[in-house]
């Protein structure tokens, strides 16, 4: 039997915004499901947990900025902030990048577009990110 664990580089992240395929992204942060907790202490009895509403945290995806791709898409993405329907699909993949699950799909509204940071004294990779 082969290895059953996964590394964080064994996932593929794709984004669609307002029906336009924005391609593959390098990182995904967020998407945790959390809940509120309502507690109640009935007349001197032990505290009870009544559960609460669930929420999914915002998702941030990023990738290396590519000239000829992202410089043309950034104006479109900026125009979708605050209203554009975004779909983030995360698929579990094997070591060769082949999908091995149907993955998870997150849907929401594009909240933010972050262009690359600029620093004339650095040789870091220029990254672009969006938040859904």
N, C-alpha and C. Protein backbone atom coordinates (compact mmCIF):
# COMPACT_ATOMS: atom_id res chain seq x y z
N UNK A 1 0.84 -1.18 0.00
CA UNK A 1 0.00 0.00 0.00
C UNK A 1 0.89 1.24 0.00
N UNK A 2 0.56 2.19 -0.84
CA UNK A 2 1.33 3.42 -0.95
C UNK A 2 0.99 4.40 0.17
N UNK A 3 1.68 5.53 0.18
CA UNK A 3 1.41 6.53 1.22
C UNK A 3 -0.01 7.07 1.11
N UNK A 4 -0.61 7.33 2.26
CA UNK A 4 -1.97 7.85 2.26
C UNK A 4 -2.04 9.29 2.74
N UNK A 5 -0.94 9.82 3.26
CA UNK A 5 -0.92 11.21 3.71
C UNK A 5 -0.83 12.16 2.52
N UNK A 6 -1.03 13.42 2.79
CA UNK A 6 -0.94 14.42 1.72
C UNK A 6 -0.07 15.57 2.19
N UNK A 7 0.59 16.20 1.24
CA UNK A 7 1.35 17.41 1.52
C UNK A 7 0.53 18.59 1.00
N UNK A 8 0.87 19.78 1.48
CA UNK A 8 0.11 20.96 1.06
C UNK A 8 0.30 21.29 -0.42
N UNK A 9 1.32 20.72 -1.06
CA UNK A 9 1.49 20.94 -2.50
C UNK A 9 0.77 19.90 -3.34
N UNK A 10 -0.04 19.05 -2.70
CA UNK A 10 -0.80 18.02 -3.41
C UNK A 10 -2.26 18.45 -3.62
N UNK A 11 -2.46 19.72 -3.88
CA UNK A 11 -3.80 20.23 -4.15
C UNK A 11 -3.74 21.16 -5.35
N UNK A 12 -4.83 21.21 -6.09
CA UNK A 12 -4.95 22.14 -7.21
C UNK A 12 -6.06 23.12 -6.88
N UNK A 13 -5.79 24.41 -7.10
CA UNK A 13 -6.75 25.46 -6.79
C UNK A 13 -7.10 26.19 -8.08
N UNK A 14 -8.38 26.23 -8.40
CA UNK A 14 -8.84 26.95 -9.58
C UNK A 14 -9.87 27.99 -9.18
N UNK A 15 -9.93 29.09 -9.93
CA UNK A 15 -10.86 30.17 -9.63
C UNK A 15 -11.61 30.56 -10.89
N UNK A 16 -12.93 30.75 -10.73
CA UNK A 16 -13.78 31.31 -11.76
C UNK A 16 -14.42 32.56 -11.19
N UNK A 17 -14.42 33.65 -11.95
CA UNK A 17 -14.99 34.91 -11.48
C UNK A 17 -15.95 35.43 -12.54
N UNK A 18 -17.20 35.61 -12.15
CA UNK A 18 -18.25 36.11 -13.06
C UNK A 18 -18.26 35.31 -14.36
N UNK A 19 -18.08 33.99 -14.23
CA UNK A 19 -18.10 33.10 -15.39
C UNK A 19 -16.79 33.02 -16.15
N UNK A 20 -15.79 33.80 -15.80
CA UNK A 20 -14.50 33.77 -16.48
C UNK A 20 -13.52 32.91 -15.70
N UNK A 21 -12.90 31.95 -16.39
CA UNK A 21 -11.90 31.08 -15.76
C UNK A 21 -10.62 31.88 -15.55
N UNK A 22 -10.22 32.02 -14.28
CA UNK A 22 -8.98 32.74 -13.96
C UNK A 22 -7.80 31.80 -13.81
N UNK A 23 -7.98 30.53 -14.11
CA UNK A 23 -6.87 29.60 -14.11
C UNK A 23 -6.52 29.04 -12.75
N UNK A 24 -5.29 28.55 -12.67
CA UNK A 24 -4.79 27.88 -11.48
C UNK A 24 -4.07 28.87 -10.57
N UNK A 25 -4.26 28.69 -9.27
CA UNK A 25 -3.66 29.55 -8.25
C UNK A 25 -2.75 28.70 -7.38
N UNK A 26 -1.77 29.33 -6.74
CA UNK A 26 -0.75 28.61 -5.98
C UNK A 26 -1.14 28.31 -4.54
N UNK A 27 -1.79 29.25 -3.87
CA UNK A 27 -2.08 29.08 -2.45
C UNK A 27 -3.55 29.35 -2.17
N UNK A 28 -4.05 28.74 -1.09
CA UNK A 28 -5.39 29.02 -0.58
C UNK A 28 -5.31 29.06 0.93
N UNK A 29 -5.81 30.13 1.52
CA UNK A 29 -5.90 30.24 2.97
C UNK A 29 -7.35 30.51 3.31
N UNK A 30 -7.77 30.04 4.48
CA UNK A 30 -9.13 30.29 4.93
C UNK A 30 -10.08 29.18 4.50
N UNK A 31 -11.37 29.46 4.63
CA UNK A 31 -12.39 28.49 4.28
C UNK A 31 -12.79 27.60 5.44
N UNK A 32 -12.34 27.94 6.66
CA UNK A 32 -12.71 27.14 7.82
C UNK A 32 -14.19 27.33 8.12
N UNK A 33 -14.84 26.26 8.56
CA UNK A 33 -16.22 26.36 9.01
C UNK A 33 -16.20 26.50 10.53
N UNK A 34 -16.87 27.51 11.02
CA UNK A 34 -16.89 27.81 12.45
C UNK A 34 -18.33 28.04 12.87
N UNK A 35 -18.55 28.08 14.15
CA UNK A 35 -19.90 28.34 14.65
C UNK A 35 -19.87 29.23 15.88
N UNK A 36 -20.98 29.89 16.09
CA UNK A 36 -21.18 30.63 17.34
C UNK A 36 -21.58 29.61 18.38
N UNK A 37 -21.44 29.98 19.63
CA UNK A 37 -21.92 29.10 20.68
C UNK A 37 -22.81 29.89 21.62
N UNK A 38 -24.01 29.42 21.79
CA UNK A 38 -24.95 30.03 22.72
C UNK A 38 -25.02 29.14 23.95
N UNK A 39 -24.75 29.74 25.11
CA UNK A 39 -24.80 28.99 26.37
C UNK A 39 -25.95 29.50 27.21
N UNK A 40 -26.51 28.60 27.98
CA UNK A 40 -27.66 28.94 28.80
C UNK A 40 -27.54 28.25 30.15
N UNK A 41 -27.83 28.97 31.21
CA UNK A 41 -27.80 28.41 32.57
C UNK A 41 -29.22 28.44 33.12
N UNK A 42 -29.95 27.36 32.98
CA UNK A 42 -31.33 27.34 33.45
C UNK A 42 -31.42 27.25 34.97
N UNK A 43 -31.96 28.26 35.61
CA UNK A 43 -32.27 28.29 37.04
C UNK A 43 -31.39 27.47 37.96
N UNK A 44 -30.11 27.76 38.01
CA UNK A 44 -29.21 27.11 38.93
C UNK A 44 -28.72 25.73 38.47
N UNK A 45 -29.16 25.26 37.32
CA UNK A 45 -28.70 23.97 36.80
C UNK A 45 -27.39 24.16 36.04
N UNK A 46 -26.71 23.07 35.71
CA UNK A 46 -25.46 23.19 34.95
C UNK A 46 -25.70 23.86 33.59
N UNK A 47 -24.67 24.53 33.14
CA UNK A 47 -24.73 25.22 31.86
C UNK A 47 -24.99 24.26 30.71
N UNK A 48 -25.80 24.71 29.74
CA UNK A 48 -26.07 23.93 28.53
C UNK A 48 -25.53 24.71 27.33
N UNK A 49 -25.05 23.98 26.34
CA UNK A 49 -24.67 24.60 25.07
C UNK A 49 -25.81 24.37 24.09
N UNK A 50 -26.29 25.45 23.49
CA UNK A 50 -27.39 25.38 22.54
C UNK A 50 -26.91 25.43 21.09
N UNK A 51 -25.59 25.37 20.89
CA UNK A 51 -25.06 25.44 19.53
C UNK A 51 -25.18 26.85 18.99
N UNK A 52 -25.11 26.99 17.69
CA UNK A 52 -25.23 28.31 17.08
C UNK A 52 -25.07 28.27 15.58
N UNK A 53 -25.22 29.43 14.98
CA UNK A 53 -25.12 29.56 13.53
C UNK A 53 -23.69 29.29 13.05
N UNK A 54 -23.58 28.73 11.86
CA UNK A 54 -22.26 28.45 11.30
C UNK A 54 -21.89 29.51 10.27
N UNK A 55 -20.60 29.72 10.11
CA UNK A 55 -20.05 30.62 9.11
C UNK A 55 -18.82 29.98 8.48
N UNK A 56 -18.51 30.36 7.27
CA UNK A 56 -17.28 29.94 6.59
C UNK A 56 -16.42 31.18 6.47
N UNK A 57 -15.16 31.07 6.90
CA UNK A 57 -14.27 32.23 6.86
C UNK A 57 -13.90 32.58 5.41
N UNK A 58 -13.48 33.82 5.22
CA UNK A 58 -13.10 34.29 3.90
C UNK A 58 -11.89 33.50 3.39
N UNK A 59 -11.82 33.39 2.08
CA UNK A 59 -10.74 32.65 1.43
C UNK A 59 -9.86 33.63 0.67
N UNK A 60 -8.55 33.46 0.83
CA UNK A 60 -7.58 34.23 0.07
C UNK A 60 -6.78 33.27 -0.79
N UNK A 61 -6.73 33.53 -2.09
CA UNK A 61 -5.91 32.73 -2.99
C UNK A 61 -4.86 33.65 -3.61
N UNK A 62 -3.69 33.09 -3.90
CA UNK A 62 -2.63 33.90 -4.49
C UNK A 62 -1.86 33.06 -5.50
N UNK A 63 -1.15 33.78 -6.35
CA UNK A 63 -0.27 33.12 -7.34
C UNK A 63 0.76 34.13 -7.81
N UNK A 64 1.78 33.60 -8.48
CA UNK A 64 2.80 34.46 -9.06
C UNK A 64 2.17 35.32 -10.16
N UNK A 65 2.47 36.60 -10.12
CA UNK A 65 2.00 37.53 -11.15
C UNK A 65 2.72 37.24 -12.45
N UNK A 66 1.94 37.00 -13.50
CA UNK A 66 2.53 36.76 -14.83
C UNK A 66 2.11 37.89 -15.77
N UNK A 67 3.13 38.47 -16.42
CA UNK A 67 2.85 39.49 -17.43
C UNK A 67 2.12 38.83 -18.59
N UNK A 68 1.19 39.55 -19.18
CA UNK A 68 0.45 39.01 -20.30
C UNK A 68 -0.76 38.19 -19.87
N UNK A 69 -0.84 37.85 -18.60
CA UNK A 69 -2.02 37.15 -18.07
C UNK A 69 -2.67 38.04 -17.01
N UNK A 70 -1.95 38.28 -15.93
CA UNK A 70 -2.54 38.99 -14.80
C UNK A 70 -2.65 40.49 -15.03
N UNK A 71 -1.72 41.07 -15.80
CA UNK A 71 -1.86 42.51 -16.05
C UNK A 71 -3.09 42.78 -16.91
N UNK A 72 -3.51 41.81 -17.72
CA UNK A 72 -4.73 41.97 -18.50
C UNK A 72 -5.98 41.63 -17.69
N UNK A 73 -5.85 40.71 -16.73
CA UNK A 73 -7.01 40.30 -15.94
C UNK A 73 -7.29 41.21 -14.74
N UNK A 74 -6.28 41.96 -14.30
CA UNK A 74 -6.46 42.72 -13.05
C UNK A 74 -7.54 43.78 -13.17
N UNK A 75 -7.67 44.44 -14.32
CA UNK A 75 -8.73 45.43 -14.49
C UNK A 75 -10.10 44.76 -14.41
N UNK A 76 -10.24 43.59 -15.02
CA UNK A 76 -11.49 42.84 -14.94
C UNK A 76 -11.79 42.47 -13.49
N UNK A 77 -10.78 41.95 -12.77
CA UNK A 77 -10.99 41.55 -11.38
C UNK A 77 -11.37 42.75 -10.52
N UNK A 78 -10.69 43.87 -10.70
CA UNK A 78 -11.02 45.06 -9.92
C UNK A 78 -12.47 45.49 -10.15
N UNK A 79 -12.94 45.35 -11.36
CA UNK A 79 -14.31 45.71 -11.69
C UNK A 79 -15.35 44.79 -11.06
N UNK A 80 -14.93 43.63 -10.59
CA UNK A 80 -15.83 42.66 -9.97
C UNK A 80 -15.85 42.74 -8.44
N UNK A 81 -14.96 43.55 -7.85
CA UNK A 81 -14.88 43.65 -6.39
C UNK A 81 -16.21 44.17 -5.84
N UNK A 82 -16.71 43.47 -4.83
CA UNK A 82 -17.95 43.87 -4.18
C UNK A 82 -19.20 43.31 -4.80
N UNK A 83 -19.10 42.62 -5.93
CA UNK A 83 -20.31 42.10 -6.57
C UNK A 83 -20.11 40.87 -7.43
N UNK A 84 -18.89 40.63 -7.87
CA UNK A 84 -18.64 39.51 -8.77
C UNK A 84 -18.71 38.16 -8.07
N UNK A 85 -19.47 37.24 -8.66
CA UNK A 85 -19.61 35.89 -8.11
C UNK A 85 -18.33 35.10 -8.37
N UNK A 86 -17.71 34.61 -7.30
CA UNK A 86 -16.45 33.87 -7.41
C UNK A 86 -16.66 32.42 -6.97
N UNK A 87 -15.98 31.52 -7.66
CA UNK A 87 -15.99 30.11 -7.31
C UNK A 87 -14.54 29.67 -7.16
N UNK A 88 -14.21 29.14 -5.99
CA UNK A 88 -12.87 28.61 -5.73
C UNK A 88 -13.01 27.10 -5.57
N UNK A 89 -12.30 26.35 -6.40
CA UNK A 89 -12.36 24.89 -6.38
C UNK A 89 -11.01 24.36 -5.94
N UNK A 90 -10.99 23.54 -4.89
CA UNK A 90 -9.76 22.95 -4.36
C UNK A 90 -9.87 21.44 -4.53
N UNK A 91 -8.95 20.87 -5.30
CA UNK A 91 -8.98 19.44 -5.61
C UNK A 91 -7.74 18.77 -5.06
N UNK A 92 -7.95 17.66 -4.34
CA UNK A 92 -6.86 16.84 -3.84
C UNK A 92 -6.22 16.12 -5.03
N UNK A 93 -4.91 16.16 -5.10
CA UNK A 93 -4.20 15.55 -6.23
C UNK A 93 -3.10 14.62 -5.73
N UNK A 94 -2.68 13.72 -6.61
CA UNK A 94 -1.57 12.84 -6.23
C UNK A 94 -0.24 13.57 -6.48
N UNK A 95 0.86 12.88 -6.25
CA UNK A 95 2.18 13.50 -6.37
C UNK A 95 2.48 13.98 -7.79
N UNK A 96 1.76 13.43 -8.79
CA UNK A 96 1.96 13.84 -10.18
C UNK A 96 0.98 14.93 -10.61
N UNK A 97 0.13 15.40 -9.67
CA UNK A 97 -0.83 16.45 -9.98
C UNK A 97 -2.15 15.97 -10.53
N UNK A 98 -2.35 14.64 -10.56
CA UNK A 98 -3.60 14.10 -11.07
C UNK A 98 -4.68 14.15 -10.00
N UNK A 99 -5.89 14.62 -10.34
CA UNK A 99 -6.95 14.70 -9.34
C UNK A 99 -7.31 13.33 -8.78
N UNK A 100 -7.49 13.27 -7.45
CA UNK A 100 -7.90 12.00 -6.83
C UNK A 100 -9.14 12.20 -5.97
N UNK A 101 -9.78 13.36 -6.08
CA UNK A 101 -11.04 13.60 -5.38
C UNK A 101 -11.82 14.65 -6.14
N UNK A 102 -13.09 14.78 -5.79
CA UNK A 102 -13.90 15.84 -6.41
C UNK A 102 -13.61 17.17 -5.76
N UNK A 103 -12.99 17.15 -4.59
CA UNK A 103 -12.57 18.38 -3.93
C UNK A 103 -13.68 19.13 -3.25
N UNK A 104 -13.35 20.37 -2.90
CA UNK A 104 -14.31 21.26 -2.24
C UNK A 104 -14.50 22.48 -3.11
N UNK A 105 -15.73 22.98 -3.12
CA UNK A 105 -16.05 24.19 -3.88
C UNK A 105 -16.57 25.25 -2.92
N UNK A 106 -15.99 26.43 -3.01
CA UNK A 106 -16.41 27.57 -2.21
C UNK A 106 -16.97 28.62 -3.16
N UNK A 107 -18.10 29.20 -2.82
CA UNK A 107 -18.67 30.26 -3.64
C UNK A 107 -18.87 31.50 -2.77
N UNK A 108 -18.73 32.65 -3.39
CA UNK A 108 -18.92 33.90 -2.67
C UNK A 108 -18.73 35.08 -3.58
N UNK A 109 -18.65 36.24 -2.98
CA UNK A 109 -18.46 37.49 -3.71
C UNK A 109 -17.00 37.92 -3.58
N UNK A 110 -16.43 38.39 -4.69
CA UNK A 110 -15.06 38.89 -4.65
C UNK A 110 -14.99 40.11 -3.74
N UNK A 111 -14.18 40.03 -2.71
CA UNK A 111 -14.06 41.10 -1.73
C UNK A 111 -12.90 42.03 -2.02
N UNK A 112 -11.78 41.46 -2.48
CA UNK A 112 -10.55 42.26 -2.60
C UNK A 112 -9.65 41.69 -3.68
N UNK A 113 -8.94 42.59 -4.39
CA UNK A 113 -7.89 42.22 -5.33
C UNK A 113 -6.61 42.88 -4.85
N UNK A 114 -5.58 42.09 -4.63
CA UNK A 114 -4.30 42.62 -4.18
C UNK A 114 -3.24 42.46 -5.25
N UNK A 115 -2.84 43.57 -5.88
CA UNK A 115 -1.76 43.49 -6.87
C UNK A 115 -0.43 43.21 -6.19
N UNK A 116 0.60 42.92 -6.94
CA UNK A 116 1.90 42.62 -6.33
C UNK A 116 2.45 43.79 -5.54
N UNK A 117 3.13 43.45 -4.44
CA UNK A 117 3.89 44.46 -3.70
C UNK A 117 5.08 44.87 -4.59
N UNK A 118 5.55 46.09 -4.42
CA UNK A 118 6.64 46.60 -5.24
C UNK A 118 7.79 47.02 -4.33
N UNK A 119 9.01 46.57 -4.65
CA UNK A 119 10.19 46.93 -3.87
C UNK A 119 11.40 46.86 -4.78
N UNK A 120 11.99 48.00 -5.10
CA UNK A 120 13.12 48.02 -6.02
C UNK A 120 14.37 47.37 -5.44
N UNK A 121 14.36 47.04 -4.14
CA UNK A 121 15.52 46.43 -3.49
C UNK A 121 15.32 44.95 -3.20
N UNK A 122 14.32 44.34 -3.82
CA UNK A 122 14.02 42.94 -3.53
C UNK A 122 13.94 42.14 -4.82
N UNK A 123 14.25 40.86 -4.70
CA UNK A 123 14.10 39.96 -5.85
C UNK A 123 13.05 38.88 -5.56
N UNK A 124 12.16 39.17 -4.58
CA UNK A 124 11.09 38.22 -4.25
C UNK A 124 10.14 38.05 -5.44
N UNK A 125 9.43 36.94 -5.45
CA UNK A 125 8.43 36.68 -6.48
C UNK A 125 7.28 37.66 -6.31
N UNK A 126 6.83 38.25 -7.41
CA UNK A 126 5.68 39.16 -7.38
C UNK A 126 4.42 38.30 -7.34
N UNK A 127 3.59 38.52 -6.30
CA UNK A 127 2.38 37.72 -6.10
C UNK A 127 1.15 38.60 -6.24
N UNK A 128 0.09 38.01 -6.80
CA UNK A 128 -1.21 38.66 -6.85
C UNK A 128 -2.14 37.82 -6.00
N UNK A 129 -3.10 38.45 -5.32
CA UNK A 129 -4.03 37.69 -4.50
C UNK A 129 -5.43 38.29 -4.58
N UNK A 130 -6.40 37.40 -4.35
CA UNK A 130 -7.78 37.85 -4.27
C UNK A 130 -8.40 37.22 -3.04
N UNK A 131 -9.41 37.91 -2.52
CA UNK A 131 -10.11 37.44 -1.34
C UNK A 131 -11.60 37.29 -1.67
N UNK A 132 -12.16 36.15 -1.29
CA UNK A 132 -13.56 35.84 -1.56
C UNK A 132 -14.25 35.67 -0.24
